[in-house]
Amino acid sequence: MLFFITTGITGFGLFLLGMKLLTNSLNKATSSRFKHQLQKMKIHPLMGILIGVISTMLVQSSSGITVIIVGLVEANLLSLYQATPIIMGANIGSTITAQLIAFKVGRLAPFVLILGLILSFMKKRNKISLLGDLMVGFSLIFIGMDLLSQGVTPLQDIRRFQEILGVLGDRPFLGILMGFSTTAIIQSSSTGIAILQSLARVNVIGLTSALPILLGQNIGTCVTTLLASLNLSSIGKRAAFIHLLFNSIGVLVFFPFISLLAMAATALAPLSPARQIAHAHSLFNIISTILFIPFIGFFVKAAEHCIKKR
């Protein structure tokens, strides 16, 4: 048992390290250019969604992008109407990590790691060195996920753990609360979903029990943005509130239809539990965005009503 615990902890640590390396290297390569372009653009809602998707795919952090957007709103470089669709798009972009993990591209991870290490030892602040850091981070994510899956394998034989998951399956509200709490603590919905995929891959958790947790994680990811807005003016707080409101209403809309979401995800990947979770995550964020595009004005007005100008 000690071996599995050590393996799981090691895998989790490598996953977090990989996410940090990947995020830092992409930030160095893209964030300043992205912000400069953003400041000059007049943003149509559909263009805003596309910006949110692409930027989050590059940086691999919807919370990070949303914090940047809140900062731009605070600096009066973006209006709330421009910022809202970008926040929506960032939620869609956050599903890319889960999709990559689900498709098991990690088989090439050791080779990518070796090549990345070679490139990263090149001259510092060189584009080749940045590419090496990116490759190292990318490979560590998948190596860590593989070790994490091995570490959680014994959980499928622990009766008490199975009973807890059974309760979550019967009481989805508790699953949402668990997803919110864990994501608020670890500050990464991608990490939380990756853990769910690891549990699903070794048949420790089923899709029915995983989906409420996944929905809760989408609310928990707003905590980072809310914390970042604490010292900002009312307009910055409004942008953070829109992020919370959008994700929370999305969960409320989907909550009665969890079984339909499970059926759709299963139909898309009948033989892969990890891909089912990835597809459910993507469907939730894509459908929520499509449903709420006509209500951008509502989100802005609600934020202005709830957070008065000081």
Foldseek 3Di string as FASTA:
>chain_A
DVVLQVLQVVLLVLQVVLLVLQLVLLCLVPVVVLVVVLLPDDADLVNLLVSLQVVCLSNLALLVVLLVLLVCQLVVSDPLLSSLSSSLSVLLNNLVLLQVLLVPPLVCLVVLLVCLVVQLPPDPPDPSNSVSSNSNSVSSNNVSLVSNLSSCLCLQVDPVLLVVLVVLLVPLVVLLVQLLVVCLVVLGLSSVLSNVLSCVQSPNHALSSNVSSNLSVQLNNLNSQCVSCPPTFLSSNLSSVLSNVLSVVLCVVCVVVSVVLLVVLCVVPVPGRSSSSSSSSNVSSVVSSVVCSVVSVVSSVVSCVVRPGD
